Protein backbone atom coordinates (compact mmCIF):
# COMPACT_ATOMS: atom_id res chain seq x y z
CA MET A 1 72.84 28.35 -13.84
CA LYS A 2 73.87 24.74 -14.53
CA ALA A 3 74.59 21.29 -12.92
CA LEU A 4 77.92 19.89 -13.03
CA ARG A 5 78.25 18.00 -16.01
CA PHE A 6 80.89 14.95 -15.65
CA GLY A 7 78.98 11.82 -17.33
CA ARG A 8 81.15 8.99 -17.11
CA ALA A 9 84.76 10.90 -17.61
CA ALA A 10 86.33 13.92 -16.19
CA ALA A 11 87.21 16.46 -18.58
CA VAL A 12 90.46 18.01 -17.35
CA ILE A 13 92.27 15.01 -15.32
CA SER A 14 93.48 11.92 -16.64
CA VAL A 15 92.92 8.72 -15.52
CA ALA A 16 96.33 7.99 -15.48
CA ALA A 17 97.32 11.15 -13.43
CA LEU A 18 94.09 10.53 -10.97
CA ALA A 19 95.19 6.77 -9.86
CA LEU A 20 95.82 6.54 -6.52
CA THR A 21 99.31 5.49 -5.73
CA ALA A 22 102.08 6.06 -3.54
CA CYS A 23 104.58 5.99 -6.55
CA GLY A 24 106.14 8.76 -7.25
CA SER A 25 104.02 10.85 -4.75
CA ASP A 26 105.26 13.98 -2.48
CA ASN A 27 102.37 13.50 -0.07
CA ALA A 28 101.30 11.65 2.78
CA VAL A 29 100.76 7.84 2.77
CA ASN A 30 100.87 5.41 5.55
CA SER A 31 102.36 2.09 5.22
CA GLY A 32 99.71 0.38 7.50
CA SER A 33 96.12 -1.13 6.91
CA GLU A 34 94.33 -0.18 3.34
CA GLY A 35 91.09 -0.71 5.35
CA GLY A 36 87.97 -2.54 3.61
CA SER A 37 85.91 -5.40 5.22
CA SER A 38 83.95 -7.89 3.42
CA SER A 39 81.17 -7.53 5.43
CA ALA A 40 79.79 -4.76 3.90
CA PRO A 41 76.89 -4.67 2.12
CA GLU A 42 76.42 -5.45 -1.55
CA SER A 43 75.99 -2.63 -4.26
CA THR A 44 74.91 -2.47 -7.63
CA VAL A 45 76.51 1.29 -8.18
CA SER A 46 79.43 1.11 -11.00
CA GLY A 47 81.49 3.43 -12.51
CA THR A 48 84.11 5.83 -12.11
CA LEU A 49 84.15 8.62 -9.68
CA THR A 50 86.90 11.24 -9.88
CA GLY A 51 88.60 13.15 -7.25
CA ALA A 52 91.51 15.58 -6.25
CA GLY A 53 92.65 17.32 -3.45
CA ALA A 54 94.63 17.44 -0.04
CA SER A 55 97.11 15.00 0.26
CA SER A 56 96.30 14.93 3.78
CA GLN A 57 93.78 12.50 3.34
CA GLN A 58 95.89 10.00 0.71
CA ALA A 59 96.23 7.59 3.42
CA ALA A 60 92.55 7.32 4.55
CA MET A 61 91.43 7.76 0.76
CA THR A 62 93.43 4.46 0.07
CA ALA A 63 91.59 2.95 2.99
CA TRP A 64 88.53 4.12 1.47
CA LYS A 65 89.18 3.38 -2.07
CA ALA A 66 90.28 -0.19 -1.03
CA GLY A 67 86.96 -0.58 1.08
CA PHE A 68 84.40 0.84 -1.30
CA GLU A 69 85.58 -1.04 -4.25
CA GLU A 70 85.58 -4.96 -2.14
CA ALA A 71 81.93 -3.80 -1.63
CA ASN A 72 81.28 -2.45 -5.00
CA PRO A 73 83.42 -4.58 -7.81
CA ASP A 74 81.65 -2.29 -10.62
CA ALA A 75 83.15 1.10 -9.24
CA THR A 76 86.23 3.07 -9.37
CA ILE A 77 87.61 5.45 -7.12
CA GLN A 78 90.42 7.74 -8.47
CA TYR A 79 92.12 10.62 -6.66
CA SER A 80 94.58 12.98 -7.01
CA PRO A 81 96.23 14.38 -3.95
CA ASP A 82 97.68 17.40 -5.66
CA GLY A 83 96.61 19.66 -2.61
CA SER A 84 93.44 21.58 -1.36
CA GLY A 85 93.56 24.28 -3.49
CA ALA A 86 94.30 22.19 -6.63
CA GLY A 87 91.68 19.98 -5.64
CA ARG A 88 88.66 23.06 -5.24
CA GLU A 89 89.96 24.47 -8.37
CA ALA A 90 89.74 21.18 -10.34
CA PHE A 91 86.38 21.06 -8.93
CA LEU A 92 85.18 24.18 -9.50
CA ALA A 93 86.76 23.72 -13.15
CA GLN A 94 84.46 20.54 -13.58
CA GLY A 95 87.41 18.72 -13.72
CA VAL A 96 86.39 16.03 -11.15
CA GLN A 97 83.54 14.96 -9.23
CA PHE A 98 84.25 15.55 -5.90
CA ALA A 99 87.32 17.21 -4.05
CA GLY A 100 89.14 16.95 -0.76
CA SER A 101 89.96 20.24 0.84
CA ASP A 102 91.16 21.25 4.67
CA ALA A 103 89.68 24.02 4.41
CA TYR A 104 85.84 24.54 3.46
CA LEU A 105 84.87 26.73 0.05
CA ASP A 106 85.39 30.42 0.74
CA GLU A 107 82.53 32.75 -0.14
CA GLU A 108 84.04 33.28 -3.78
CA GLU A 109 84.34 29.74 -4.02
CA TYR A 110 81.21 28.86 -2.66
CA ALA A 111 79.50 31.50 -4.80
CA ALA A 112 81.26 30.17 -7.70
CA ALA A 113 80.12 26.49 -7.23
CA MET A 114 76.25 27.38 -7.69
CA GLU A 115 77.46 28.46 -11.39
CA VAL A 116 78.86 24.46 -11.91
CA CYS A 117 76.78 22.81 -9.40
CA GLY A 118 73.44 23.88 -10.19
CA PRO A 119 71.44 26.74 -7.98
CA GLU A 120 71.88 25.08 -4.59
CA GLY A 121 75.95 25.21 -5.31
CA ALA A 122 78.37 22.53 -3.23
CA ILE A 123 78.02 21.05 -0.01
CA ASN A 124 81.22 20.68 2.57
CA ILE A 125 81.17 17.50 4.21
CA PRO A 126 83.69 16.21 7.08
CA GLY A 127 85.41 13.15 5.84
CA TYR A 128 88.34 13.17 7.70
CA VAL A 129 89.42 14.82 11.19
CA SER A 130 92.85 14.98 12.33
CA PRO A 131 95.49 16.82 14.76
CA ILE A 132 98.36 18.73 12.43
CA ALA A 133 101.48 17.74 14.34
CA VAL A 134 103.91 20.52 15.39
CA ALA A 135 107.21 18.41 14.29
CA PHE A 136 110.65 18.56 15.23
CA ASN A 137 113.75 16.99 14.52
CA ILE A 138 116.35 17.45 17.96
CA PRO A 139 118.51 14.44 18.62
CA GLY A 140 117.53 12.96 21.81
CA VAL A 141 114.39 15.16 22.42
CA ASP A 142 110.98 13.41 21.74
CA THR A 143 108.63 15.75 23.17
CA LEU A 144 108.25 19.57 23.77
CA ASN A 145 105.75 21.80 25.77
CA LEU A 146 105.26 24.68 24.00
CA ASP A 147 102.41 27.62 24.31
CA ALA A 148 101.28 29.23 21.25
CA PRO A 149 103.09 32.69 21.50
CA THR A 150 106.24 30.35 21.39
CA ILE A 151 105.39 28.01 18.51
CA ALA A 152 104.38 31.62 16.62
CA ALA A 153 107.67 32.97 17.51
CA ILE A 154 109.63 29.86 16.16
CA PHE A 155 107.75 30.08 12.90
CA LYS A 156 107.79 33.87 12.65
CA GLY A 157 111.70 33.52 13.21
CA ASP A 158 111.86 35.57 16.21
CA ILE A 159 113.34 32.38 18.59
CA THR A 160 116.09 31.00 16.34
CA ASN A 161 117.86 28.31 18.78
CA TRP A 162 116.42 25.56 20.65
CA ASN A 163 117.91 26.84 23.66
CA ASP A 164 116.18 29.72 23.73
CA GLU A 165 114.96 30.78 27.30
CA ALA A 166 111.18 30.76 26.06
CA ILE A 167 111.40 27.21 25.31
CA VAL A 168 113.62 26.02 27.95
CA SER A 169 111.28 27.62 30.64
CA GLN A 170 108.75 25.49 29.42
CA ASN A 171 110.46 22.05 29.65
CA ASP A 172 112.38 21.07 32.65
CA GLY A 173 114.84 18.95 32.46
CA ALA A 174 114.99 18.48 28.84
CA GLU A 175 118.31 18.71 27.11
CA LEU A 176 117.99 21.33 24.74
CA PRO A 177 120.90 21.92 22.55
CA ASP A 178 122.76 24.84 21.10
CA LEU A 179 121.22 24.05 17.81
CA PRO A 180 119.78 27.00 15.26
CA ILE A 181 115.98 26.24 14.40
CA THR A 182 115.48 25.53 10.61
CA VAL A 183 111.71 26.15 9.83
CA VAL A 184 110.30 23.96 7.12
CA HIS A 185 106.75 25.45 5.47
CA ARG A 186 104.71 24.00 2.42
CA ALA A 187 105.45 25.54 -0.86
CA ASP A 188 102.44 24.66 -2.47
CA GLU A 189 99.17 26.20 -1.30
CA SER A 190 97.64 24.15 1.65
CA GLY A 191 94.86 23.43 3.50
CA THR A 192 97.35 22.46 6.44
CA THR A 193 99.06 25.85 6.11
CA GLU A 194 95.80 27.50 6.59
CA ASN A 195 94.63 25.72 9.61
CA PHE A 196 98.01 25.65 11.02
CA VAL A 197 98.20 29.82 10.70
CA GLU A 198 94.31 30.04 11.75
CA TYR A 199 95.27 28.74 15.23
CA LEU A 200 98.78 30.80 15.36
CA ALA A 201 96.41 33.91 14.27
CA ALA A 202 93.85 33.28 17.15
CA ALA A 203 96.09 31.88 19.92
CA ALA A 204 99.04 33.73 19.48
CA PRO A 205 97.58 37.51 17.74
CA ASP A 206 100.20 39.69 19.42
CA GLU A 207 103.01 37.45 17.65
CA TRP A 208 101.24 36.05 14.39
CA THR A 209 99.50 39.21 12.64
CA TYR A 210 99.69 37.55 8.95
CA GLU A 211 96.68 37.35 7.06
CA VAL A 212 95.32 33.61 7.58
CA SER A 213 95.96 31.93 3.97
CA GLY A 214 96.94 28.61 2.58
CA ASP A 215 100.21 30.24 1.43
CA TRP A 216 103.14 30.73 3.64
CA PRO A 217 103.71 34.42 4.10
CA ALA A 218 106.07 35.46 1.82
CA ASP A 219 108.07 37.51 4.08
CA ILE A 220 109.09 34.90 6.86
CA VAL A 221 112.91 33.65 5.54
CA ALA A 222 112.49 29.80 5.71
CA GLU A 223 113.19 26.57 3.93
CA ASN A 224 110.22 25.44 2.11
CA ALA A 225 109.22 21.87 0.32
CA GLN A 226 106.28 20.43 -1.58
CA GLY A 227 103.28 18.48 -0.20
CA THR A 228 103.32 17.05 3.14
CA ASN A 229 105.76 14.08 2.36
CA GLY A 230 107.94 17.27 1.12
CA VAL A 231 108.00 18.85 4.35
CA VAL A 232 108.51 15.91 6.44
CA SER A 233 111.60 14.53 4.63
CA THR A 234 113.37 17.67 4.84
CA THR A 235 112.67 17.96 8.39
CA SER A 236 113.74 14.37 9.09
CA SER A 237 116.93 15.02 7.19
CA THR A 238 117.52 18.56 9.01
CA GLU A 239 118.81 18.26 12.67
CA GLY A 240 116.99 21.24 14.22
CA ALA A 241 114.31 21.11 11.90
CA ILE A 242 110.89 22.30 12.85
CA THR A 243 107.47 21.91 10.59
CA TYR A 244 103.91 21.30 10.73
CA ALA A 245 102.21 18.38 8.98
CA ASP A 246 98.90 15.56 8.96
CA ALA A 247 99.95 13.57 12.19
CA SER A 248 99.54 10.22 10.20
CA ALA A 249 102.91 11.76 8.19
CA VAL A 250 104.87 12.60 10.69
CA GLY A 251 106.82 9.16 11.72
CA ASP A 252 109.39 9.51 14.24
CA LEU A 253 109.46 13.06 14.60
CA GLY A 254 109.04 14.82 17.91
CA GLN A 255 106.32 16.47 18.66
CA VAL A 256 104.89 19.44 20.50
CA SER A 257 102.66 19.15 23.18
CA VAL A 258 100.13 22.51 23.16
CA LYS A 259 99.22 24.65 25.83
CA VAL A 260 95.53 24.99 26.53
CA GLY A 261 94.69 26.74 29.02
CA GLU A 262 96.99 25.91 32.30
CA GLU A 263 97.86 22.22 30.81
CA TYR A 264 99.80 21.39 27.88
CA VAL A 265 97.72 18.73 25.50
CA ALA A 266 99.40 16.08 23.73
CA LEU A 267 98.48 15.22 20.03
CA SER A 268 95.99 12.24 20.19
CA SER A 269 92.72 11.47 18.05
CA GLU A 270 90.97 11.98 20.99
CA ALA A 271 92.10 15.23 21.60
CA ALA A 272 91.38 16.45 18.11
CA ALA A 273 87.81 14.84 18.22
CA LYS A 274 87.10 17.27 21.65
CA ALA A 275 88.44 20.34 19.70
CA VAL A 276 85.93 19.63 16.57
CA GLU A 277 83.11 19.17 19.40
CA VAL A 278 83.04 22.54 20.39
CA ALA A 279 83.59 23.76 16.67
CA THR A 280 80.42 26.18 15.33
CA PRO A 281 78.44 26.25 11.97
CA VAL A 282 79.75 28.53 9.06
CA GLU A 283 76.94 31.10 8.95
CA GLY A 284 75.47 32.10 5.81
CA ARG A 285 75.56 28.43 3.92
CA GLY A 286 72.90 26.20 3.13
CA GLU A 287 70.97 24.39 5.69
CA LEU A 288 72.91 20.98 4.82
CA ASP A 289 76.27 22.80 4.54
CA MET A 290 78.41 21.24 7.24
CA SER A 291 81.28 23.86 7.05
CA LEU A 292 82.56 24.24 10.72
CA ASP A 293 84.69 27.13 12.40
CA LEU A 294 87.04 25.79 14.93
CA GLU A 295 87.95 27.57 18.41
CA ARG A 296 91.56 27.89 18.09
CA ASP A 297 92.15 29.37 21.30
CA THR A 298 89.97 26.80 23.17
CA THR A 299 90.69 26.49 26.90
CA GLU A 300 88.93 23.56 27.02
CA SER A 301 90.50 20.76 29.25
CA GLY A 302 91.96 17.75 26.75
CA ALA A 303 91.19 19.54 23.24
CA TYR A 304 93.91 19.99 21.08
CA PRO A 305 93.47 22.95 19.14
CA ILE A 306 95.45 22.34 15.91
CA VAL A 307 93.35 20.24 14.12
CA LEU A 308 92.58 19.61 10.74
CA VAL A 309 88.79 19.12 9.20
CA SER A 310 89.41 17.78 5.77
CA TYR A 311 86.39 17.94 3.59
CA HIS A 312 84.57 15.83 0.92
CA LEU A 313 83.12 18.78 -1.56
CA TYR A 314 80.41 17.54 -3.63
CA CYS A 315 77.35 18.84 -5.86
CA THR A 316 74.50 19.10 -4.75
CA GLU A 317 72.68 17.95 -8.28
CA TYR A 318 74.81 16.09 -10.90
CA ASP A 319 74.13 15.44 -14.56
CA ASP A 320 72.74 11.70 -14.36
CA GLN A 321 71.77 9.44 -11.99
CA GLU A 322 74.48 6.61 -12.45
CA THR A 323 76.69 9.77 -10.82
CA VAL A 324 74.63 10.75 -8.17
CA ASP A 325 74.39 7.17 -7.25
CA LEU A 326 77.80 6.38 -7.19
CA VAL A 327 78.60 9.87 -5.27
CA LYS A 328 76.27 9.41 -2.59
CA ALA A 329 77.43 5.25 -2.09
CA PHE A 330 80.74 6.63 -1.52
CA GLY A 331 80.26 9.72 0.50
CA SER A 332 77.99 7.11 2.99
CA TYR A 333 81.22 4.90 3.02
CA VAL A 334 83.32 7.60 4.19
CA ILE A 335 81.22 8.64 6.80
CA SER A 336 80.16 5.46 7.83
CA GLU A 337 81.40 4.00 10.99
CA GLU A 338 83.30 1.18 8.67
CA GLY A 339 84.72 3.69 6.14
CA GLN A 340 85.91 5.89 9.50
CA GLN A 341 87.76 3.06 11.36
CA ALA A 342 89.29 1.78 8.03
CA ALA A 343 90.64 5.26 7.98
CA ALA A 344 91.45 5.07 11.36
CA ASP A 345 93.32 2.10 11.29
CA SER A 346 95.96 3.36 8.12
CA ALA A 347 96.11 7.48 8.84
CA GLY A 348 95.15 7.36 12.69
CA ASN A 349 92.49 10.29 12.25
CA ALA A 350 89.95 10.98 14.67
CA LEU A 351 86.42 9.35 13.82
CA LEU A 352 83.27 11.32 13.17
CA SER A 353 80.93 11.56 16.27
CA GLU A 354 77.69 9.82 15.74
CA THR A 355 75.92 13.04 15.83
CA LEU A 356 78.21 14.66 12.49
CA ARG A 357 77.79 11.26 10.73
CA GLU A 358 74.05 11.45 11.04
CA GLN A 359 74.02 15.18 9.57
CA ALA A 360 76.45 14.14 6.84
CA GLN A 361 74.47 11.39 5.95
CA GLU A 362 71.45 13.74 5.93
CA ALA A 363 73.56 15.99 3.71
CA ILE A 364 74.27 13.35 0.82
CA ASP A 365 71.19 11.72 0.76
CA SER A 366 69.94 14.97 -0.55
CA ILE A 367 71.92 14.92 -3.54
CA LYS A 368 70.22 14.58 -6.76
CA VAL A 369 70.02 14.41 -10.40
CA ALA A 370 69.74 18.21 -12.15
CA SER A 371 66.15 18.71 -13.44
């Protein structure tokens, strides 16, 4: 087994490809504040830290990059929002020093990390918590109430028109048109997809019998698009369309309030945070790993269960002190109150709780130079 050996540059992904920019991207970018604060403590870390992965984090990553580089003028953060699956692959191929992922490393990936990150492998650290919007384009309709079986039936293709009785019966007074439903899903492997179908499988098991995966079920005929911005753009330009996407990216599309217990819960950062509070740690991981299993079928009042916990994946050890210092400094900024607020101002995500921040800091502090 060996430590992840990057030195000062990544071997696989070029600097040009990693430059964090909205130009030409098919992923979510929020045009709000980029975060950052001149009050951040001075730092002596230097060098370039390369990452790749979840497009859901892009608006937050822009804020983290700006804030961290302002406080650390000799350091540069580069992140390529290629999707969660691509980020994990690049990380395990030693192409980047960290990855962003909307799903924690699975068992096979977790074992593979021990080959490239040293005997203790990698750690999954929650950095970005956000609700996934079930977003639609129905002229004149801004909100809808839907339970999990109805959402599953729509995305499965069993409910095909917006005036279907299953939808009408949950939305007294809504002017629902005789309009065909167009389902839009991610074409690429996506952590957002995995989180969304995990909710469907748990909360509507009779309707959604497909395997939970980052790839959309191949036998469901529907429109598809690349990346977060792709599905949002397609839905925005298609009357009657419905999709799922990180809440920071859906803009003016209508949004579904999801039935939880006996109430319908609207999407909000507070409701997403409440869902994370009742999550349980994944068994069989290292003591400091923070992989979480969410209770998708929760009946907890006020909890929005279609929530995305997007992780930063770090090795437990790196080849040199400069890289260790840079990883620890950036990781600490991301989970700090300042870093979380900078991301929230830009992306509208839910802030990590104090308990989660303390656990994350302990894990980040444990990263070391390979012996």
